């Protein structure tokens, strides 16, 4: 977790305090967007590696990490507006956007609605059309979002095994950090609010499917889809569907890899990401000449 360099800073979105960090130098800025219940620290070593060649920024979306967690409805559109607001706040022009899991869905929504803000989009084990049944069943547990329950480290360690192919990476430090953030006031409420606002027992709600998934062919931004072949959290069919749906997109499948791809293979992931970005920048420069 100590790999995420830079100092905590704060900005505001809808009167709520939003935590972020920035590092590195250069004309390009890579913006990292975490998954559901996530936080800046989940990017691990990737943040540091990216900062060696580019500017990099990461934020705790509203309701997550050390950002404020007001008791509101957490829709994909709300999180997208938070991301849009943060890009405007950075005031650096277009960004290279990287979204993990739920963050991928938020980035996709932004790409459909505000493509003028994005140079490229990279989606890691992104949430998509196919939703696992255990997540859909959580829709029925509406009462949980109002209960201030605490998650034990033992339970976290058990549930985290589903996200990792390399179980040895579930260190005490990783569990301690996850335990800290999941048990902050409002964290569980946010997670269940996102689920209830986005899903019904059949999967994605129609308005989300109509406004994002059904508009993939309209995305003209360079897109890179990355997934782990042993992802037990988000089915690989989602990544393949995104690759087939977004014109000209590139896909990479990591073998012996679970859901937490960027944490299991930080060097390999960063190398592929930066290669993708460098090629886009090269083409952009030559188009201007």
C-alpha atoms as a PDB file:
ATOM      1  CA  UNK A   1       0.000   0.000   0.000  1.00  0.00           C
ATOM      2  CA  UNK A   2       2.940   2.345   0.585  1.00  0.00           C
ATOM      3  CA  UNK A   3       3.604   2.415  -3.163  1.00  0.00           C
ATOM      4  CA  UNK A   4       0.934   5.107  -3.676  1.00  0.00           C
ATOM      5  CA  UNK A   5       3.148   8.181  -3.503  1.00  0.00           C
ATOM      6  CA  UNK A   6       2.115  11.813  -3.210  1.00  0.00           C
ATOM      7  CA  UNK A   7       0.308  13.686  -0.473  1.00  0.00           C
ATOM      8  CA  UNK A   8      -3.408  13.521   0.239  1.00  0.00           C
ATOM      9  CA  UNK A   9      -5.173  16.580  -1.148  1.00  0.00           C
ATOM     10  CA  UNK A  10      -8.838  17.531  -1.232  1.00  0.00           C
ATOM     11  CA  UNK A  11     -11.302  19.214  -3.534  1.00  0.00           C
ATOM     12  CA  UNK A  12     -15.102  19.412  -3.422  1.00  0.00           C
ATOM     13  CA  UNK A  13     -17.996  17.905  -5.355  1.00  0.00           C
ATOM     14  CA  UNK A  14     -21.585  18.855  -4.457  1.00  0.00           C
ATOM     15  CA  UNK A  15     -20.303  20.254  -1.148  1.00  0.00           C
ATOM     16  CA  UNK A  16     -18.649  16.918  -0.300  1.00  0.00           C
ATOM     17  CA  UNK A  17     -14.908  16.650   0.304  1.00  0.00           C
ATOM     18  CA  UNK A  18     -13.091  14.460  -2.236  1.00  0.00           C
ATOM     19  CA  UNK A  19      -9.611  13.038  -1.571  1.00  0.00           C
ATOM     20  CA  UNK A  20      -7.063  12.733  -4.362  1.00  0.00           C
ATOM     21  CA  UNK A  21      -3.339  12.339  -4.994  1.00  0.00           C
ATOM     22  CA  UNK A  22      -1.119  13.428  -7.887  1.00  0.00           C
ATOM     23  CA  UNK A  23       2.478  12.553  -8.785  1.00  0.00           C
ATOM     24  CA  UNK A  24       4.897  12.621 -11.708  1.00  0.00           C
ATOM     25  CA  UNK A  25       5.577  15.111 -14.468  1.00  0.00           C
ATOM     26  CA  UNK A  26       4.851  15.508 -18.162  1.00  0.00           C
ATOM     27  CA  UNK A  27       2.159  16.590 -20.581  1.00  0.00           C
ATOM     28  CA  UNK A  28       0.104  13.403 -20.282  1.00  0.00           C
ATOM     29  CA  UNK A  29      -2.048  12.724 -17.253  1.00  0.00           C
ATOM     30  CA  UNK A  30      -3.284   9.239 -16.386  1.00  0.00           C
ATOM     31  CA  UNK A  31      -6.373   9.235 -14.154  1.00  0.00           C
ATOM     32  CA  UNK A  32      -7.067   6.088 -12.100  1.00  0.00           C
ATOM     33  CA  UNK A  33     -10.620   5.199 -11.003  1.00  0.00           C
ATOM     34  CA  UNK A  34     -11.077   2.480  -8.359  1.00  0.00           C
ATOM     35  CA  UNK A  35     -13.794  -0.165  -8.029  1.00  0.00           C
ATOM     36  CA  UNK A  36     -16.802  -0.445  -5.703  1.00  0.00           C
ATOM     37  CA  UNK A  37     -15.789   0.077  -2.084  1.00  0.00           C
ATOM     38  CA  UNK A  38     -12.330   1.053  -3.353  1.00  0.00           C
ATOM     39  CA  UNK A  39      -9.814   3.736  -2.504  1.00  0.00           C
ATOM     40  CA  UNK A  40      -6.617   5.323  -3.818  1.00  0.00           C
ATOM     41  CA  UNK A  41      -4.349   2.825  -2.053  1.00  0.00           C
ATOM     42  CA  UNK A  42      -5.781  -0.114  -4.008  1.00  0.00           C
ATOM     43  CA  UNK A  43      -3.654   0.954  -7.011  1.00  0.00           C
ATOM     44  CA  UNK A  44      -0.582  -0.217  -5.084  1.00  0.00           C
ATOM     45  CA  UNK A  45       2.672  -0.136  -7.032  1.00  0.00           C
ATOM     46  CA  UNK A  46       1.008   0.931 -10.302  1.00  0.00           C
ATOM     47  CA  UNK A  47       0.657   4.537  -9.136  1.00  0.00           C
ATOM     48  CA  UNK A  48       4.401   4.833  -8.542  1.00  0.00           C
ATOM     49  CA  UNK A  49       5.339   3.051 -11.781  1.00  0.00           C
ATOM     50  CA  UNK A  50       3.078   5.246 -13.918  1.00  0.00           C
ATOM     51  CA  UNK A  51       4.408   8.404 -12.246  1.00  0.00           C
ATOM     52  CA  UNK A  52       7.938   7.661 -13.469  1.00  0.00           C
ATOM     53  CA  UNK A  53       6.934   8.445 -17.067  1.00  0.00           C
ATOM     54  CA  UNK A  54       3.682  10.411 -16.811  1.00  0.00           C
ATOM     55  CA  UNK A  55       1.650  12.559 -14.502  1.00  0.00           C
ATOM     56  CA  UNK A  56      -0.775  10.365 -12.611  1.00  0.00           C
ATOM     57  CA  UNK A  57      -3.804  11.178 -10.484  1.00  0.00           C
ATOM     58  CA  UNK A  58      -6.156   9.021  -8.444  1.00  0.00           C
ATOM     59  CA  UNK A  59      -9.203   9.951  -6.395  1.00  0.00           C
ATOM     60  CA  UNK A  60     -11.556   8.454  -3.859  1.00  0.00           C
ATOM     61  CA  UNK A  61     -14.949   8.811  -5.530  1.00  0.00           C
ATOM     62  CA  UNK A  62     -17.686  10.280  -3.360  1.00  0.00           C
ATOM     63  CA  UNK A  63     -18.767   7.705  -0.775  1.00  0.00           C
ATOM     64  CA  UNK A  64     -15.395   5.926  -0.897  1.00  0.00           C
ATOM     65  CA  UNK A  65     -12.044   5.934   0.875  1.00  0.00           C
ATOM     66  CA  UNK A  66     -11.409   9.164   2.764  1.00  0.00           C
ATOM     67  CA  UNK A  67     -13.891  11.180   0.705  1.00  0.00           C
ATOM     68  CA  UNK A  68     -17.153  12.267   2.338  1.00  0.00           C
ATOM     69  CA  UNK A  69     -19.978   9.726   2.447  1.00  0.00           C
ATOM     70  CA  UNK A  70     -23.269  11.625   2.544  1.00  0.00           C
ATOM     71  CA  UNK A  71     -26.457   9.576   2.939  1.00  0.00           C
ATOM     72  CA  UNK A  72     -27.628   9.913  -0.683  1.00  0.00           C
ATOM     73  CA  UNK A  73     -28.452   7.698  -3.655  1.00  0.00           C
ATOM     74  CA  UNK A  74     -25.212   6.539  -5.296  1.00  0.00           C
ATOM     75  CA  UNK A  75     -25.979   6.079  -8.978  1.00  0.00           C
ATOM     76  CA  UNK A  76     -23.531   5.514 -11.834  1.00  0.00           C
ATOM     77  CA  UNK A  77     -24.498   8.974 -13.105  1.00  0.00           C
ATOM     78  CA  UNK A  78     -23.613  10.549  -9.750  1.00  0.00           C
ATOM     79  CA  UNK A  79     -20.178   8.883  -9.741  1.00  0.00           C
ATOM     80  CA  UNK A  80     -19.722   9.915 -13.377  1.00  0.00           C
ATOM     81  CA  UNK A  81     -20.523  13.524 -12.525  1.00  0.00           C
ATOM     82  CA  UNK A  82     -17.979  13.325  -9.685  1.00  0.00           C
ATOM     83  CA  UNK A  83     -15.355  12.091 -12.159  1.00  0.00           C
ATOM     84  CA  UNK A  84     -16.261  14.790 -14.685  1.00  0.00           C
ATOM     85  CA  UNK A  85     -16.003  17.453 -11.976  1.00  0.00           C
ATOM     86  CA  UNK A  86     -12.580  16.159 -10.940  1.00  0.00           C
ATOM     87  CA  UNK A  87     -11.253  16.255 -14.521  1.00  0.00           C
ATOM     88  CA  UNK A  88     -12.370  19.875 -14.814  1.00  0.00           C
ATOM     89  CA  UNK A  89     -10.723  20.574 -11.456  1.00  0.00           C
ATOM     90  CA  UNK A  90      -7.404  19.123 -12.673  1.00  0.00           C
ATOM     91  CA  UNK A  91      -7.527  21.618 -15.569  1.00  0.00           C
ATOM     92  CA  UNK A  92      -5.028  19.618 -17.611  1.00  0.00           C
ATOM     93  CA  UNK A  93      -7.026  19.039 -20.771  1.00  0.00           C
ATOM     94  CA  UNK A  94      -7.943  15.538 -21.912  1.00  0.00           C
ATOM     95  CA  UNK A  95      -6.950  12.602 -19.709  1.00  0.00           C
ATOM     96  CA  UNK A  96      -5.958   8.996 -20.250  1.00  0.00           C
ATOM     97  CA  UNK A  97      -8.674   7.328 -18.183  1.00  0.00           C
ATOM     98  CA  UNK A  98      -8.163   3.982 -16.404  1.00  0.00           C
ATOM     99  CA  UNK A  99     -11.093   2.282 -14.660  1.00  0.00           C
ATOM    100  CA  UNK A 100     -11.116  -0.898 -12.565  1.00  0.00           C
ATOM    101  CA  UNK A 101     -14.285  -2.985 -12.107  1.00  0.00           C
ATOM    102  CA  UNK A 102     -17.067  -0.537 -11.134  1.00  0.00           C
ATOM    103  CA  UNK A 103     -14.623   2.232 -12.085  1.00  0.00           C
ATOM    104  CA  UNK A 104     -14.704   0.802 -15.602  1.00  0.00           C
ATOM    105  CA  UNK A 105     -18.475   1.261 -15.753  1.00  0.00           C
ATOM    106  CA  UNK A 106     -18.108   4.849 -14.537  1.00  0.00           C
ATOM    107  CA  UNK A 107     -15.408   5.537 -17.138  1.00  0.00           C
ATOM    108  CA  UNK A 108     -17.557   4.018 -19.884  1.00  0.00           C
ATOM    109  CA  UNK A 109     -20.468   6.235 -18.887  1.00  0.00           C
ATOM    110  CA  UNK A 110     -18.165   9.256 -19.048  1.00  0.00           C
ATOM    111  CA  UNK A 111     -16.861   8.186 -22.465  1.00  0.00           C
ATOM    112  CA  UNK A 112     -20.392   8.002 -23.844  1.00  0.00           C
ATOM    113  CA  UNK A 113     -21.543  11.292 -22.343  1.00  0.00           C
ATOM    114  CA  UNK A 114     -18.400  13.447 -22.359  1.00  0.00           C
ATOM    115  CA  UNK A 115     -15.894  12.041 -24.901  1.00  0.00           C
ATOM    116  CA  UNK A 116     -14.310  15.474 -25.280  1.00  0.00           C
ATOM    117  CA  UNK A 117     -12.659  14.997 -21.856  1.00  0.00           C
ATOM    118  CA  UNK A 118     -10.821  11.775 -22.726  1.00  0.00           C
ATOM    119  CA  UNK A 119      -7.735  10.889 -24.782  1.00  0.00           C
ATOM    120  CA  UNK A 120      -8.038   7.152 -24.179  1.00  0.00           C
ATOM    121  CA  UNK A 121      -9.874   4.702 -21.955  1.00  0.00           C
ATOM    122  CA  UNK A 122      -8.466   1.553 -20.343  1.00  0.00           C
ATOM    123  CA  UNK A 123     -10.856  -0.867 -18.631  1.00  0.00           C
ATOM    124  CA  UNK A 124      -9.543  -3.473 -16.160  1.00  0.00           C
ATOM    125  CA  UNK A 125     -11.899  -6.373 -15.430  1.00  0.00           C
ATOM    126  CA  UNK A 126     -14.666  -3.860 -15.987  1.00  0.00           C
ATOM    127  CA  UNK A 127     -18.197  -4.291 -14.768  1.00  0.00           C
ATOM    128  CA  UNK A 128     -20.547  -4.762 -17.706  1.00  0.00           C
ATOM    129  CA  UNK A 129     -23.710  -6.439 -18.928  1.00  0.00           C
ATOM    130  CA  UNK A 130     -23.272  -9.831 -17.250  1.00  0.00           C
ATOM    131  CA  UNK A 131     -23.693  -9.530 -13.477  1.00  0.00           C
ATOM    132  CA  UNK A 132     -22.939 -12.535 -11.186  1.00  0.00           C
ATOM    133  CA  UNK A 133     -26.016 -13.925  -9.426  1.00  0.00           C
ATOM    134  CA  UNK A 134     -24.602 -13.347  -5.924  1.00  0.00           C
ATOM    135  CA  UNK A 135     -24.348  -9.613  -6.712  1.00  0.00           C
ATOM    136  CA  UNK A 136     -27.881  -9.510  -8.159  1.00  0.00           C
ATOM    137  CA  UNK A 137     -29.251 -11.249  -5.070  1.00  0.00           C
ATOM    138  CA  UNK A 138     -27.782  -8.422  -2.956  1.00  0.00           C
ATOM    139  CA  UNK A 139     -30.496  -6.202  -4.455  1.00  0.00           C
ATOM    140  CA  UNK A 140     -32.979  -7.990  -2.206  1.00  0.00           C
ATOM    141  CA  UNK A 141     -31.022  -7.043   0.920  1.00  0.00           C
ATOM    142  CA  UNK A 142     -32.171  -3.424   0.992  1.00  0.00           C
ATOM    143  CA  UNK A 143     -32.097  -3.258   4.769  1.00  0.00           C
ATOM    144  CA  UNK A 144     -28.318  -3.823   4.928  1.00  0.00           C
ATOM    145  CA  UNK A 145     -27.445  -0.370   3.606  1.00  0.00           C
ATOM    146  CA  UNK A 146     -29.083   1.137   6.693  1.00  0.00           C
ATOM    147  CA  UNK A 147     -27.257  -1.098   9.180  1.00  0.00           C
ATOM    148  CA  UNK A 148     -23.936   0.040  10.622  1.00  0.00           C
ATOM    149  CA  UNK A 149     -22.353  -3.413  10.488  1.00  0.00           C
ATOM    150  CA  UNK A 150     -18.643  -4.097  10.930  1.00  0.00           C
ATOM    151  CA  UNK A 151     -16.619  -6.455   8.730  1.00  0.00           C
ATOM    152  CA  UNK A 152     -14.027  -8.565  10.549  1.00  0.00           C
ATOM    153  CA  UNK A 153     -10.493  -9.098   9.226  1.00  0.00           C
ATOM    154  CA  UNK A 154     -11.188 -12.832   9.130  1.00  0.00           C
ATOM    155  CA  UNK A 155     -14.217 -12.351   6.872  1.00  0.00           C
ATOM    156  CA  UNK A 156     -12.266  -9.916   4.680  1.00  0.00           C
ATOM    157  CA  UNK A 157      -9.487 -12.448   4.206  1.00  0.00           C
ATOM    158  CA  UNK A 158     -11.984 -15.125   3.194  1.00  0.00           C
ATOM    159  CA  UNK A 159     -13.896 -12.920   0.751  1.00  0.00           C
ATOM    160  CA  UNK A 160     -10.701 -11.396  -0.683  1.00  0.00           C
ATOM    161  CA  UNK A 161      -9.538 -14.817  -1.880  1.00  0.00           C
ATOM    162  CA  UNK A 162     -12.155 -14.574  -4.621  1.00  0.00           C
ATOM    163  CA  UNK A 163     -10.398 -11.503  -6.054  1.00  0.00           C
ATOM    164  CA  UNK A 164      -6.896 -12.993  -6.198  1.00  0.00           C
ATOM    165  CA  UNK A 165      -5.347 -15.823  -8.197  1.00  0.00           C
ATOM    166  CA  UNK A 166      -2.098 -15.306  -6.262  1.00  0.00           C
ATOM    167  CA  UNK A 167      -3.459 -15.845  -2.753  1.00  0.00           C
ATOM    168  CA  UNK A 168      -0.067 -15.025  -1.213  1.00  0.00           C
ATOM    169  CA  UNK A 169      -0.570 -11.354  -2.119  1.00  0.00           C
ATOM    170  CA  UNK A 170      -3.319 -11.071   0.486  1.00  0.00           C
ATOM    171  CA  UNK A 171      -0.878  -9.758   3.067  1.00  0.00           C
ATOM    172  CA  UNK A 172      -1.623  -8.527   6.581  1.00  0.00           C
ATOM    173  CA  UNK A 173      -0.949  -4.986   5.332  1.00  0.00           C
ATOM    174  CA  UNK A 174      -3.456  -5.400   2.490  1.00  0.00           C
ATOM    175  CA  UNK A 175      -6.098  -6.748   4.912  1.00  0.00           C
ATOM    176  CA  UNK A 176      -5.416  -3.995   7.453  1.00  0.00           C
ATOM    177  CA  UNK A 177      -5.928  -1.298   4.812  1.00  0.00           C
ATOM    178  CA  UNK A 178      -9.080  -2.908   3.405  1.00  0.00           C
ATOM    179  CA  UNK A 179     -10.436  -3.383   6.940  1.00  0.00           C
ATOM    180  CA  UNK A 180      -9.870   0.288   7.737  1.00  0.00           C
ATOM    181  CA  UNK A 181     -11.758   1.565   4.697  1.00  0.00           C
ATOM    182  CA  UNK A 182     -14.642  -0.923   4.577  1.00  0.00           C
ATOM    183  CA  UNK A 183     -15.508  -0.159   8.219  1.00  0.00           C
ATOM    184  CA  UNK A 184     -15.624   3.622   7.903  1.00  0.00           C
ATOM    185  CA  UNK A 185     -19.035   5.121   8.602  1.00  0.00           C
ATOM    186  CA  UNK A 186     -21.053   5.074   5.401  1.00  0.00           C
ATOM    187  CA  UNK A 187     -18.858   2.674   3.389  1.00  0.00           C
ATOM    188  CA  UNK A 188     -21.239  -0.311   3.481  1.00  0.00           C
ATOM    189  CA  UNK A 189     -24.202   2.002   2.866  1.00  0.00           C
ATOM    190  CA  UNK A 190     -22.485   3.356  -0.272  1.00  0.00           C
ATOM    191  CA  UNK A 191     -21.736  -0.116  -1.635  1.00  0.00           C
ATOM    192  CA  UNK A 192     -25.323  -1.316  -1.283  1.00  0.00           C
ATOM    193  CA  UNK A 193     -26.692   1.967  -2.607  1.00  0.00           C
ATOM    194  CA  UNK A 194     -24.615   1.551  -5.791  1.00  0.00           C
ATOM    195  CA  UNK A 195     -25.901  -2.013  -6.187  1.00  0.00           C
ATOM    196  CA  UNK A 196     -29.537  -0.995  -5.657  1.00  0.00           C
ATOM    197  CA  UNK A 197     -29.293   2.005  -7.995  1.00  0.00           C
ATOM    198  CA  UNK A 198     -27.596   0.012 -10.774  1.00  0.00           C
ATOM    199  CA  UNK A 199     -29.118  -3.469 -10.681  1.00  0.00           C
ATOM    200  CA  UNK A 200     -32.289  -5.441 -10.336  1.00  0.00           C
ATOM    201  CA  UNK A 201     -32.520  -9.209  -9.856  1.00  0.00           C
ATOM    202  CA  UNK A 202     -32.160  -9.707 -13.619  1.00  0.00           C
ATOM    203  CA  UNK A 203     -28.936  -7.676 -13.962  1.00  0.00           C
ATOM    204  CA  UNK A 204     -28.228  -4.136 -15.099  1.00  0.00           C
ATOM    205  CA  UNK A 205     -31.213  -1.821 -14.978  1.00  0.00           C
ATOM    206  CA  UNK A 206     -32.626  -0.975 -18.394  1.00  0.00           C
ATOM    207  CA  UNK A 207     -31.709   2.709 -18.260  1.00  0.00           C
ATOM    208  CA  UNK A 208     -28.041   1.908 -17.626  1.00  0.00           C
ATOM    209  CA  UNK A 209     -27.984  -0.721 -20.367  1.00  0.00           C
ATOM    210  CA  UNK A 210     -29.687   1.676 -22.784  1.00  0.00           C
ATOM    211  CA  UNK A 211     -27.494   4.656 -21.930  1.00  0.00           C
ATOM    212  CA  UNK A 212     -24.116   2.923 -21.841  1.00  0.00           C
ATOM    213  CA  UNK A 213     -23.858  -0.714 -22.963  1.00  0.00           C
ATOM    214  CA  UNK A 214     -26.090  -0.214 -25.999  1.00  0.00           C
ATOM    215  CA  UNK A 215     -24.002   2.796 -27.084  1.00  0.00           C
ATOM    216  CA  UNK A 216     -20.569   1.157 -27.160  1.00  0.00           C
ATOM    217  CA  UNK A 217     -20.334   1.485 -30.945  1.00  0.00           C
ATOM    218  CA  UNK A 218     -20.589   5.251 -30.562  1.00  0.00           C
ATOM    219  CA  UNK A 219     -17.316   5.374 -28.612  1.00  0.00           C
ATOM    220  CA  UNK A 220     -14.582   6.715 -30.901  1.00  0.00           C
ATOM    221  CA  UNK A 221     -11.919   7.098 -28.197  1.00  0.00           C
ATOM    222  CA  UNK A 222      -8.973   4.645 -28.312  1.00  0.00           C
ATOM    223  CA  UNK A 223      -9.905   1.839 -25.908  1.00  0.00           C
ATOM    224  CA  UNK A 224      -7.861  -0.883 -24.218  1.00  0.00           C
ATOM    225  CA  UNK A 225      -9.633  -3.794 -22.493  1.00  0.00           C
ATOM    226  CA  UNK A 226      -7.627  -5.829 -19.963  1.00  0.00           C
ATOM    227  CA  UNK A 227      -8.846  -8.848 -18.007  1.00  0.00           C
ATOM    228  CA  UNK A 228      -7.589 -11.744 -15.906  1.00  0.00           C
ATOM    229  CA  UNK A 229      -8.473 -15.191 -17.195  1.00  0.00           C
ATOM    230  CA  UNK A 230      -9.275 -16.401 -13.654  1.00  0.00           C
ATOM    231  CA  UNK A 231     -11.497 -13.497 -12.605  1.00  0.00           C
ATOM    232  CA  UNK A 232     -14.055 -14.964 -10.195  1.00  0.00           C
ATOM    233  CA  UNK A 233     -15.726 -11.604  -9.504  1.00  0.00           C
ATOM    234  CA  UNK A 234     -16.586 -10.164 -12.926  1.00  0.00           C
ATOM    235  CA  UNK A 235     -17.024 -12.754 -15.720  1.00  0.00           C
ATOM    236  CA  UNK A 236     -14.577 -12.408 -18.640  1.00  0.00           C
ATOM    237  CA  UNK A 237     -17.551 -12.299 -20.984  1.00  0.00           C
ATOM    238  CA  UNK A 238     -17.944  -8.649 -19.981  1.00  0.00           C
ATOM    239  CA  UNK A 239     -14.469  -7.703 -21.204  1.00  0.00           C
ATOM    240  CA  UNK A 240     -14.936  -9.621 -24.448  1.00  0.00           C
ATOM    241  CA  UNK A 241     -18.308  -7.951 -24.979  1.00  0.00           C
ATOM    242  CA  UNK A 242     -16.699  -4.528 -24.465  1.00  0.00           C
ATOM    243  CA  UNK A 243     -13.917  -5.400 -26.908  1.00  0.00           C
ATOM    244  CA  UNK A 244     -16.424  -6.519 -29.539  1.00  0.00           C
ATOM    245  CA  UNK A 245     -18.657  -3.502 -28.935  1.00  0.00           C
ATOM    246  CA  UNK A 246     -16.121  -0.646 -28.952  1.00  0.00           C
ATOM    247  CA  UNK A 247     -14.801  -0.049 -32.497  1.00  0.00           C
ATOM    248  CA  UNK A 248     -11.041  -0.549 -32.870  1.00  0.00           C
ATOM    249  CA  UNK A 249     -10.512  -1.504 -29.232  1.00  0.00           C
ATOM    250  CA  UNK A 250      -7.535  -3.576 -28.143  1.00  0.00           C
ATOM    251  CA  UNK A 251      -7.743  -6.466 -25.647  1.00  0.00           C
ATOM    252  CA  UNK A 252      -5.183  -8.228 -23.452  1.00  0.00           C
ATOM    253  CA  UNK A 253      -5.878 -11.284 -21.302  1.00  0.00           C
ATOM    254  CA  UNK A 254      -3.557 -11.981 -18.353  1.00  0.00           C
ATOM    255  CA  UNK A 255      -3.103 -15.675 -17.599  1.00  0.00           C
ATOM    256  CA  UNK A 256      -3.053 -16.985 -14.008  1.00  0.00           C
ATOM    257  CA  UNK A 257      -4.674 -13.757 -12.882  1.00  0.00           C
ATOM    258  CA  UNK A 258      -7.777 -12.874 -10.891  1.00  0.00           C
ATOM    259  CA  UNK A 259      -9.921  -9.778 -10.475  1.00  0.00           C
ATOM    260  CA  UNK A 260      -7.239  -7.631  -8.797  1.00  0.00           C
ATOM    261  CA  UNK A 261      -5.168  -7.694 -11.998  1.00  0.00           C
ATOM    262  CA  UNK A 262      -3.279  -4.439 -11.456  1.00  0.00           C
ATOM    263  CA  UNK A 263      -2.318  -5.573  -7.944  1.00  0.00           C
ATOM    264  CA  UNK A 264      -1.256  -9.073  -8.990  1.00  0.00           C
ATOM    265  CA  UNK A 265       0.779  -7.941 -12.021  1.00  0.00           C
ATOM    266  CA  UNK A 266       1.667  -4.250 -11.477  1.00  0.00           C
ATOM    267  CA  UNK A 267       4.797  -4.199 -13.649  1.00  0.00           C
ATOM    268  CA  UNK A 268       3.247  -6.103 -16.540  1.00  0.00           C
ATOM    269  CA  UNK A 269       0.015  -4.117 -16.385  1.00  0.00           C
ATOM    270  CA  UNK A 270       1.830  -0.771 -16.270  1.00  0.00           C
ATOM    271  CA  UNK A 271       4.084  -1.757 -19.167  1.00  0.00           C
ATOM    272  CA  UNK A 272       1.092  -2.600 -21.371  1.00  0.00           C
ATOM    273  CA  UNK A 273      -0.811   0.509 -20.301  1.00  0.00           C
ATOM    274  CA  UNK A 274       2.087   2.872 -20.995  1.00  0.00           C
ATOM    275  CA  UNK A 275       2.804   1.195 -24.337  1.00  0.00           C
ATOM    276  CA  UNK A 276      -0.835   1.820 -25.306  1.00  0.00           C
ATOM    277  CA  UNK A 277      -0.652   5.459 -24.194  1.00  0.00           C
ATOM    278  CA  UNK A 278       2.693   6.097 -25.932  1.00  0.00           C
ATOM    279  CA  UNK A 279       1.322   4.806 -29.237  1.00  0.00           C
ATOM    280  CA  UNK A 280      -1.706   7.093 -28.936  1.00  0.00           C
ATOM    281  CA  UNK A 281       0.493  10.102 -28.173  1.00  0.00           C
ATOM    282  CA  UNK A 282       2.782   9.242 -31.097  1.00  0.00           C
ATOM    283  CA  UNK A 283      -0.166   9.120 -33.482  1.00  0.00           C
ATOM    284  CA  UNK A 284      -1.573  12.367 -32.079  1.00  0.00           C
ATOM    285  CA  UNK A 285       1.727  14.193 -32.621  1.00  0.00           C
ATOM    286  CA  UNK A 286       2.031  12.997 -36.204  1.00  0.00           C
ATOM    287  CA  UNK A 287      -1.570  13.914 -36.990  1.00  0.00           C
ATOM    288  CA  UNK A 288      -0.792  17.501 -35.948  1.00  0.00           C
ATOM    289  CA  UNK A 289       2.257  17.718 -38.212  1.00  0.00           C
END
